[in-house]
């Protein structure tokens, strides 16, 4: 899993990049290999975290979330509608 803590740089702060590879082993670093996004979570918002960073492999379309979702997580759209996950 990737850590979401910010790294201080000479120009300010930066977020760590994606994991080295997806669960299927495809490399995620480099041009056009990963789609980076965010997934809102009602539970994490209540805890002050707010969202999960998503990394979607452009080869197999598997998505990795950071932090990893727990059974208590509830993905929601920006307008508050529930969003189905892969296991729903």
PDB file of N, CA and C in Angstrom:
ATOM      1  N   UNK A   1       0.835  -1.173   0.000  1.00  0.00           N
ATOM      2  CA  UNK A   1       0.000   0.000   0.000  1.00  0.00           C
ATOM      3  C   UNK A   1       0.883   1.242   0.000  1.00  0.00           C
ATOM      4  N   UNK A   2       0.387   2.279  -0.598  1.00  0.00           N
ATOM      5  CA  UNK A   2       1.088   3.544  -0.675  1.00  0.00           C
ATOM      6  C   UNK A   2       0.689   4.401   0.524  1.00  0.00           C
ATOM      7  N   UNK A   3       1.627   5.151   1.051  1.00  0.00           N
ATOM      8  CA  UNK A   3       1.320   6.045   2.166  1.00  0.00           C
ATOM      9  C   UNK A   3       0.850   7.382   1.613  1.00  0.00           C
ATOM     10  N   UNK A   4      -0.188   7.954   2.212  1.00  0.00           N
ATOM     11  CA  UNK A   4      -0.713   9.220   1.728  1.00  0.00           C
ATOM     12  C   UNK A   4      -0.088  10.419   2.417  1.00  0.00           C
ATOM     13  N   UNK A   5       0.916  10.222   3.243  1.00  0.00           N
ATOM     14  CA  UNK A   5       1.494  11.390   3.890  1.00  0.00           C
ATOM     15  C   UNK A   5       2.246  12.224   2.857  1.00  0.00           C
ATOM     16  N   UNK A   6       2.261  13.512   3.105  1.00  0.00           N
ATOM     17  CA  UNK A   6       2.929  14.427   2.200  1.00  0.00           C
ATOM     18  C   UNK A   6       4.427  14.448   2.489  1.00  0.00           C
ATOM     19  N   UNK A   7       5.187  14.647   1.431  1.00  0.00           N
ATOM     20  CA  UNK A   7       6.641  14.708   1.523  1.00  0.00           C
ATOM     21  C   UNK A   7       7.065  16.154   1.274  1.00  0.00           C
ATOM     22  N   UNK A   8       7.870  16.678   2.163  1.00  0.00           N
ATOM     23  CA  UNK A   8       8.346  18.057   1.991  1.00  0.00           C
ATOM     24  C   UNK A   8       9.435  18.084   0.914  1.00  0.00           C
ATOM     25  N   UNK A   9       9.305  19.011  -0.020  1.00  0.00           N
ATOM     26  CA  UNK A   9      10.293  19.202  -1.078  1.00  0.00           C
ATOM     27  C   UNK A   9      10.793  20.648  -1.032  1.00  0.00           C
ATOM     28  N   UNK A  10      11.746  20.968  -1.870  1.00  0.00           N
ATOM     29  CA  UNK A  10      12.234  22.355  -1.918  1.00  0.00           C
ATOM     30  C   UNK A  10      11.147  23.315  -2.394  1.00  0.00           C
ATOM     31  N   UNK A  11      10.202  22.820  -3.172  1.00  0.00           N
ATOM     32  CA  UNK A  11       9.141  23.678  -3.714  1.00  0.00           C
ATOM     33  C   UNK A  11       7.860  23.634  -2.886  1.00  0.00           C
ATOM     34  N   UNK A  12       7.852  22.876  -1.814  1.00  0.00           N
ATOM     35  CA  UNK A  12       6.643  22.770  -0.990  1.00  0.00           C
ATOM     36  C   UNK A  12       6.433  21.340  -0.544  1.00  0.00           C
ATOM     37  N   UNK A  13       5.277  20.787  -0.892  1.00  0.00           N
ATOM     38  CA  UNK A  13       4.948  19.418  -0.510  1.00  0.00           C
ATOM     39  C   UNK A  13       4.508  18.621  -1.737  1.00  0.00           C
ATOM     40  N   UNK A  14       4.744  17.320  -1.700  1.00  0.00           N
ATOM     41  CA  UNK A  14       4.338  16.428  -2.789  1.00  0.00           C
ATOM     42  C   UNK A  14       3.754  15.158  -2.194  1.00  0.00           C
ATOM     43  N   UNK A  15       2.848  14.553  -2.924  1.00  0.00           N
ATOM     44  CA  UNK A  15       2.260  13.282  -2.510  1.00  0.00           C
ATOM     45  C   UNK A  15       3.042  12.156  -3.177  1.00  0.00           C
ATOM     46  N   UNK A  16       3.287  11.044  -2.467  1.00  0.00           N
ATOM     47  CA  UNK A  16       3.996   9.920  -3.098  1.00  0.00           C
ATOM     48  C   UNK A  16       3.255   9.437  -4.345  1.00  0.00           C
ATOM     49  N   UNK A  17       3.986   8.854  -5.274  1.00  0.00           N
ATOM     50  CA  UNK A  17       3.394   8.342  -6.500  1.00  0.00           C
ATOM     51  C   UNK A  17       2.662   7.032  -6.280  1.00  0.00           C
ATOM     52  N   UNK A  18       2.176   6.428  -7.364  1.00  0.00           N
ATOM     53  CA  UNK A  18       1.440   5.171  -7.253  1.00  0.00           C
ATOM     54  C   UNK A  18       2.348   4.015  -6.853  1.00  0.00           C
ATOM     55  N   UNK A  19       1.742   2.881  -6.493  1.00  0.00           N
ATOM     56  CA  UNK A  19       2.550   1.690  -6.211  1.00  0.00           C
ATOM     57  C   UNK A  19       3.364   1.305  -7.446  1.00  0.00           C
ATOM     58  N   UNK A  20       4.352   0.467  -7.266  1.00  0.00           N
ATOM     59  CA  UNK A  20       5.188   0.020  -8.385  1.00  0.00           C
ATOM     60  C   UNK A  20       4.382  -0.767  -9.421  1.00  0.00           C
ATOM     61  N   UNK A  21       3.421  -1.607  -8.945  1.00  0.00           N
ATOM     62  CA  UNK A  21       2.656  -2.438  -9.878  1.00  0.00           C
ATOM     63  C   UNK A  21       1.256  -2.699  -9.330  1.00  0.00           C
ATOM     64  N   UNK A  22       0.362  -3.133 -10.224  1.00  0.00           N
ATOM     65  CA  UNK A  22      -1.002  -3.490  -9.829  1.00  0.00           C
ATOM     66  C   UNK A  22      -0.999  -4.930  -9.294  1.00  0.00           C
ATOM     67  N   UNK A  23      -2.125  -5.412  -8.753  1.00  0.00           N
ATOM     68  CA  UNK A  23      -2.165  -6.789  -8.242  1.00  0.00           C
ATOM     69  C   UNK A  23      -1.823  -7.848  -9.296  1.00  0.00           C
ATOM     70  N   UNK A  24      -2.030  -7.525 -10.578  1.00  0.00           N
ATOM     71  CA  UNK A  24      -1.711  -8.475 -11.644  1.00  0.00           C
ATOM     72  C   UNK A  24      -0.248  -8.385 -12.079  1.00  0.00           C
ATOM     73  N   UNK A  25       0.493  -7.439 -11.495  1.00  0.00           N
ATOM     74  CA  UNK A  25       1.911  -7.330 -11.814  1.00  0.00           C
ATOM     75  C   UNK A  25       2.271  -6.328 -12.894  1.00  0.00           C
ATOM     76  N   UNK A  26       1.289  -5.621 -13.455  1.00  0.00           N
ATOM     77  CA  UNK A  26       1.595  -4.626 -14.489  1.00  0.00           C
ATOM     78  C   UNK A  26       2.237  -3.399 -13.833  1.00  0.00           C
ATOM     79  N   UNK A  27       3.281  -2.835 -14.446  1.00  0.00           N
ATOM     80  CA  UNK A  27       3.912  -1.644 -13.870  1.00  0.00           C
ATOM     81  C   UNK A  27       2.966  -0.448 -13.927  1.00  0.00           C
ATOM     82  N   UNK A  28       2.956   0.346 -12.848  1.00  0.00           N
ATOM     83  CA  UNK A  28       2.076   1.507 -12.789  1.00  0.00           C
ATOM     84  C   UNK A  28       2.825   2.828 -12.907  1.00  0.00           C
ATOM     85  N   UNK A  29       4.132   2.794 -12.860  1.00  0.00           N
ATOM     86  CA  UNK A  29       4.896   4.039 -12.961  1.00  0.00           C
ATOM     87  C   UNK A  29       5.362   4.228 -14.388  1.00  0.00           C
ATOM     88  N   UNK A  30       5.186   5.436 -14.873  1.00  0.00           N
ATOM     89  CA  UNK A  30       5.539   5.760 -16.246  1.00  0.00           C
ATOM     90  C   UNK A  30       4.335   6.330 -16.961  1.00  0.00           C
ATOM     91  N   UNK A  31       4.553   6.885 -18.150  1.00  0.00           N
ATOM     92  CA  UNK A  31       3.449   7.529 -18.872  1.00  0.00           C
ATOM     93  C   UNK A  31       2.355   6.542 -19.290  1.00  0.00           C
ATOM     94  N   UNK A  32       1.126   6.984 -19.140  1.00  0.00           N
ATOM     95  CA  UNK A  32      -0.081   6.263 -19.590  1.00  0.00           C
ATOM     96  C   UNK A  32      -0.242   4.866 -18.998  1.00  0.00           C
ATOM     97  N   UNK A  33       0.234   4.652 -17.792  1.00  0.00           N
ATOM     98  CA  UNK A  33       0.118   3.328 -17.170  1.00  0.00           C
ATOM     99  C   UNK A  33      -0.900   3.288 -16.052  1.00  0.00           C
ATOM    100  N   UNK A  34      -1.235   4.450 -15.478  1.00  0.00           N
ATOM    101  CA  UNK A  34      -2.141   4.469 -14.334  1.00  0.00           C
ATOM    102  C   UNK A  34      -3.034   5.707 -14.401  1.00  0.00           C
ATOM    103  N   UNK A  35      -4.282   5.527 -14.000  1.00  0.00           N
ATOM    104  CA  UNK A  35      -5.227   6.625 -13.874  1.00  0.00           C
ATOM    105  C   UNK A  35      -5.379   6.883 -12.378  1.00  0.00           C
ATOM    106  N   UNK A  36      -5.007   8.080 -11.938  1.00  0.00           N
ATOM    107  CA  UNK A  36      -5.063   8.423 -10.519  1.00  0.00           C
ATOM    108  C   UNK A  36      -6.324   9.226 -10.264  1.00  0.00           C
ATOM    109  N   UNK A  37      -7.053   8.839  -9.228  1.00  0.00           N
ATOM    110  CA  UNK A  37      -8.280   9.543  -8.897  1.00  0.00           C
ATOM    111  C   UNK A  37      -8.523   9.554  -7.404  1.00  0.00           C
ATOM    112  N   UNK A  38      -9.717   9.916  -7.030  1.00  0.00           N
ATOM    113  CA  UNK A  38     -10.104   9.927  -5.626  1.00  0.00           C
ATOM    114  C   UNK A  38     -11.512   9.367  -5.496  1.00  0.00           C
ATOM    115  N   UNK A  39     -11.757   8.667  -4.418  1.00  0.00           N
ATOM    116  CA  UNK A  39     -13.082   8.099  -4.152  1.00  0.00           C
ATOM    117  C   UNK A  39     -13.535   8.598  -2.791  1.00  0.00           C
ATOM    118  N   UNK A  40     -14.632   9.331  -2.775  1.00  0.00           N
ATOM    119  CA  UNK A  40     -15.173   9.849  -1.519  1.00  0.00           C
ATOM    120  C   UNK A  40     -15.734   8.700  -0.691  1.00  0.00           C
ATOM    121  N   UNK A  41     -15.591   8.802   0.626  1.00  0.00           N
ATOM    122  CA  UNK A  41     -16.043   7.752   1.540  1.00  0.00           C
ATOM    123  C   UNK A  41     -16.740   8.408   2.728  1.00  0.00           C
ATOM    124  N   UNK A  42     -17.991   8.034   2.979  1.00  0.00           N
ATOM    125  CA  UNK A  42     -18.749   8.622   4.083  1.00  0.00           C
ATOM    126  C   UNK A  42     -18.088   8.321   5.424  1.00  0.00           C
ATOM    127  N   UNK A  43     -17.615   7.104   5.633  1.00  0.00           N
ATOM    128  CA  UNK A  43     -16.996   6.743   6.907  1.00  0.00           C
ATOM    129  C   UNK A  43     -15.699   7.513   7.125  1.00  0.00           C
ATOM    130  N   UNK A  44     -14.859   7.566   6.103  1.00  0.00           N
ATOM    131  CA  UNK A  44     -13.586   8.275   6.243  1.00  0.00           C
ATOM    132  C   UNK A  44     -13.802   9.774   6.432  1.00  0.00           C
ATOM    133  N   UNK A  45     -14.839  10.320   5.826  1.00  0.00           N
ATOM    134  CA  UNK A  45     -15.151  11.735   6.026  1.00  0.00           C
ATOM    135  C   UNK A  45     -15.496  11.990   7.489  1.00  0.00           C
ATOM    136  N   UNK A  46     -16.226  11.061   8.102  1.00  0.00           N
ATOM    137  CA  UNK A  46     -16.557  11.189   9.526  1.00  0.00           C
ATOM    138  C   UNK A  46     -15.314  11.132  10.401  1.00  0.00           C
ATOM    139  N   UNK A  47     -14.285  10.390   9.939  1.00  0.00           N
ATOM    140  CA  UNK A  47     -13.040  10.251  10.700  1.00  0.00           C
ATOM    141  C   UNK A  47     -12.033  11.361  10.395  1.00  0.00           C
ATOM    142  N   UNK A  48     -12.371  12.229   9.440  1.00  0.00           N
ATOM    143  CA  UNK A  48     -11.476  13.316   9.088  1.00  0.00           C
ATOM    144  C   UNK A  48     -10.507  13.011   7.971  1.00  0.00           C
ATOM    145  N   UNK A  49     -10.557  11.804   7.405  1.00  0.00           N
ATOM    146  CA  UNK A  49      -9.668  11.433   6.299  1.00  0.00           C
ATOM    147  C   UNK A  49     -10.251  11.931   4.985  1.00  0.00           C
ATOM    148  N   UNK A  50     -11.550  11.731   4.778  1.00  0.00           N
ATOM    149  CA  UNK A  50     -12.250  12.279   3.631  1.00  0.00           C
ATOM    150  C   UNK A  50     -12.380  11.387   2.424  1.00  0.00           C
ATOM    151  N   UNK A  51     -11.281  10.803   1.961  1.00  0.00           N
ATOM    152  CA  UNK A  51     -11.380  10.049   0.716  1.00  0.00           C
ATOM    153  C   UNK A  51     -10.265   9.017   0.615  1.00  0.00           C
ATOM    154  N   UNK A  52     -10.401   8.190  -0.406  1.00  0.00           N
ATOM    155  CA  UNK A  52      -9.387   7.197  -0.742  1.00  0.00           C
ATOM    156  C   UNK A  52      -8.768   7.620  -2.070  1.00  0.00           C
ATOM    157  N   UNK A  53      -7.461   7.551  -2.200  1.00  0.00           N
ATOM    158  CA  UNK A  53      -6.802   7.781  -3.488  1.00  0.00           C
ATOM    159  C   UNK A  53      -6.981   6.497  -4.289  1.00  0.00           C
ATOM    160  N   UNK A  54      -7.308   6.602  -5.564  1.00  0.00           N
ATOM    161  CA  UNK A  54      -7.468   5.409  -6.396  1.00  0.00           C
ATOM    162  C   UNK A  54      -6.413   5.399  -7.491  1.00  0.00           C
ATOM    163  N   UNK A  55      -5.899   4.212  -7.763  1.00  0.00           N
ATOM    164  CA  UNK A  55      -4.916   3.988  -8.826  1.00  0.00           C
ATOM    165  C   UNK A  55      -5.472   2.879  -9.705  1.00  0.00           C
ATOM    166  N   UNK A  56      -5.849   3.188 -10.944  1.00  0.00           N
ATOM    167  CA  UNK A  56      -6.419   2.204 -11.855  1.00  0.00           C
ATOM    168  C   UNK A  56      -5.417   1.863 -12.944  1.00  0.00           C
ATOM    169  N   UNK A  57      -5.085   0.580 -13.041  1.00  0.00           N
ATOM    170  CA  UNK A  57      -4.145   0.093 -14.048  1.00  0.00           C
ATOM    171  C   UNK A  57      -4.768   0.248 -15.437  1.00  0.00           C
ATOM    172  N   UNK A  58      -4.040   0.839 -16.368  1.00  0.00           N
ATOM    173  CA  UNK A  58      -4.555   1.037 -17.714  1.00  0.00           C
ATOM    174  C   UNK A  58      -4.404  -0.201 -18.588  1.00  0.00           C
ATOM    175  N   UNK A  59      -3.807  -1.275 -18.065  1.00  0.00           N
ATOM    176  CA  UNK A  59      -3.691  -2.526 -18.808  1.00  0.00           C
ATOM    177  C   UNK A  59      -4.841  -3.456 -18.468  1.00  0.00           C
ATOM    178  N   UNK A  60      -5.082  -3.675 -17.166  1.00  0.00           N
ATOM    179  CA  UNK A  60      -6.122  -4.637 -16.756  1.00  0.00           C
ATOM    180  C   UNK A  60      -7.312  -3.979 -16.063  1.00  0.00           C
ATOM    181  N   UNK A  61      -7.261  -2.687 -15.810  1.00  0.00           N
ATOM    182  CA  UNK A  61      -8.331  -1.894 -15.198  1.00  0.00           C
ATOM    183  C   UNK A  61      -8.620  -2.261 -13.744  1.00  0.00           C
ATOM    184  N   UNK A  62      -7.691  -2.932 -13.070  1.00  0.00           N
ATOM    185  CA  UNK A  62      -7.848  -3.158 -11.630  1.00  0.00           C
ATOM    186  C   UNK A  62      -7.534  -1.868 -10.893  1.00  0.00           C
ATOM    187  N   UNK A  63      -8.251  -1.636  -9.797  1.00  0.00           N
ATOM    188  CA  UNK A  63      -8.074  -0.414  -9.022  1.00  0.00           C
ATOM    189  C   UNK A  63      -7.560  -0.741  -7.629  1.00  0.00           C
ATOM    190  N   UNK A  64      -6.572   0.022  -7.200  1.00  0.00           N
ATOM    191  CA  UNK A  64      -6.008  -0.069  -5.856  1.00  0.00           C
ATOM    192  C   UNK A  64      -6.427   1.209  -5.132  1.00  0.00           C
ATOM    193  N   UNK A  65      -6.875   1.081  -3.884  1.00  0.00           N
ATOM    194  CA  UNK A  65      -7.260   2.245  -3.090  1.00  0.00           C
ATOM    195  C   UNK A  65      -6.285   2.446  -1.944  1.00  0.00           C
ATOM    196  N   UNK A  66      -6.010   3.720  -1.626  1.00  0.00           N
ATOM    197  CA  UNK A  66      -5.165   4.056  -0.495  1.00  0.00           C
ATOM    198  C   UNK A  66      -5.824   5.185   0.282  1.00  0.00           C
ATOM    199  N   UNK A  67      -6.178   5.001   1.535  1.00  0.00           N
ATOM    200  CA  UNK A  67      -6.016   3.775   2.291  1.00  0.00           C
ATOM    201  C   UNK A  67      -6.951   2.690   1.772  1.00  0.00           C
ATOM    202  N   UNK A  68      -6.594   1.439   2.040  1.00  0.00           N
ATOM    203  CA  UNK A  68      -7.425   0.321   1.596  1.00  0.00           C
ATOM    204  C   UNK A  68      -8.796   0.405   2.267  1.00  0.00           C
ATOM    205  N   UNK A  69      -9.871   0.164   1.522  1.00  0.00           N
ATOM    206  CA  UNK A  69     -11.205   0.206   2.121  1.00  0.00           C
ATOM    207  C   UNK A  69     -11.378  -0.894   3.172  1.00  0.00           C
ATOM    208  N   UNK A  70     -12.130  -0.585   4.192  1.00  0.00           N
ATOM    209  CA  UNK A  70     -12.478  -1.552   5.226  1.00  0.00           C
ATOM    210  C   UNK A  70     -13.945  -1.923   5.047  1.00  0.00           C
ATOM    211  N   UNK A  71     -14.434  -2.950   5.727  1.00  0.00           N
ATOM    212  CA  UNK A  71     -15.858  -3.289   5.611  1.00  0.00           C
ATOM    213  C   UNK A  71     -16.775  -2.140   6.032  1.00  0.00           C
ATOM    214  N   UNK A  72     -16.281  -1.227   6.865  1.00  0.00           N
ATOM    215  CA  UNK A  72     -17.100  -0.104   7.308  1.00  0.00           C
ATOM    216  C   UNK A  72     -17.151   1.039   6.299  1.00  0.00           C
ATOM    217  N   UNK A  73     -16.270   1.027   5.308  1.00  0.00           N
ATOM    218  CA  UNK A  73     -16.227   2.107   4.328  1.00  0.00           C
ATOM    219  C   UNK A  73     -17.497   2.117   3.481  1.00  0.00           C
ATOM    220  N   UNK A  74     -17.909   3.320   3.117  1.00  0.00           N
ATOM    221  CA  UNK A  74     -19.115   3.508   2.308  1.00  0.00           C
ATOM    222  C   UNK A  74     -18.806   4.545   1.242  1.00  0.00           C
ATOM    223  N   UNK A  75     -18.502   4.076   0.019  1.00  0.00           N
ATOM    224  CA  UNK A  75     -18.164   4.992  -1.060  1.00  0.00           C
ATOM    225  C   UNK A  75     -19.401   5.783  -1.470  1.00  0.00           C
ATOM    226  N   UNK A  76     -19.210   7.089  -1.680  1.00  0.00           N
ATOM    227  CA  UNK A  76     -20.301   7.966  -2.087  1.00  0.00           C
ATOM    228  C   UNK A  76     -19.822   8.861  -3.218  1.00  0.00           C
ATOM    229  N   UNK A  77     -20.785   9.326  -4.040  1.00  0.00           N
ATOM    230  CA  UNK A  77     -20.478  10.290  -5.084  1.00  0.00           C
ATOM    231  C   UNK A  77     -20.326  11.664  -4.430  1.00  0.00           C
ATOM    232  N   UNK A  78     -19.820  12.634  -5.169  1.00  0.00           N
ATOM    233  CA  UNK A  78     -19.640  13.966  -4.614  1.00  0.00           C
ATOM    234  C   UNK A  78     -20.957  14.558  -4.116  1.00  0.00           C
ATOM    235  N   UNK A  79     -22.077  14.157  -4.726  1.00  0.00           N
ATOM    236  CA  UNK A  79     -23.366  14.686  -4.279  1.00  0.00           C
ATOM    237  C   UNK A  79     -24.003  13.825  -3.185  1.00  0.00           C
ATOM    238  N   UNK A  80     -23.276  12.838  -2.676  1.00  0.00           N
ATOM    239  CA  UNK A  80     -23.756  12.044  -1.553  1.00  0.00           C
ATOM    240  C   UNK A  80     -24.439  10.725  -1.909  1.00  0.00           C
ATOM    241  N   UNK A  81     -24.647  10.469  -3.212  1.00  0.00           N
ATOM    242  CA  UNK A  81     -25.273   9.198  -3.615  1.00  0.00           C
ATOM    243  C   UNK A  81     -24.334   8.039  -3.351  1.00  0.00           C
ATOM    244  N   UNK A  82     -24.851   6.870  -2.916  1.00  0.00           N
ATOM    245  CA  UNK A  82     -23.988   5.695  -2.718  1.00  0.00           C
ATOM    246  C   UNK A  82     -23.402   5.245  -4.053  1.00  0.00           C
ATOM    247  N   UNK A  83     -22.181   4.765  -4.020  1.00  0.00           N
ATOM    248  CA  UNK A  83     -21.502   4.243  -5.210  1.00  0.00           C
ATOM    249  C   UNK A  83     -21.216   2.781  -4.972  1.00  0.00           C
ATOM    250  N   UNK A  84     -21.678   1.894  -5.870  1.00  0.00           N
ATOM    251  CA  UNK A  84     -21.394   0.470  -5.675  1.00  0.00           C
ATOM    252  C   UNK A  84     -19.909   0.186  -5.831  1.00  0.00           C
ATOM    253  N   UNK A  85     -19.392  -0.736  -5.025  1.00  0.00           N
ATOM    254  CA  UNK A  85     -18.003  -1.157  -5.153  1.00  0.00           C
ATOM    255  C   UNK A  85     -17.970  -2.489  -5.878  1.00  0.00           C
ATOM    256  N   UNK A  86     -16.774  -2.988  -6.165  1.00  0.00           N
ATOM    257  CA  UNK A  86     -16.627  -4.236  -6.909  1.00  0.00           C
ATOM    258  C   UNK A  86     -17.308  -5.410  -6.224  1.00  0.00           C
ATOM    259  N   UNK A  87     -17.366  -5.399  -4.877  1.00  0.00           N
ATOM    260  CA  UNK A  87     -17.945  -6.524  -4.163  1.00  0.00           C
ATOM    261  C   UNK A  87     -19.414  -6.341  -3.842  1.00  0.00           C
ATOM    262  N   UNK A  88     -20.058  -5.292  -4.368  1.00  0.00           N
ATOM    263  CA  UNK A  88     -21.487  -5.091  -4.121  1.00  0.00           C
ATOM    264  C   UNK A  88     -22.297  -5.485  -5.317  1.00  0.00           C
TER     265      UNK A  88
END
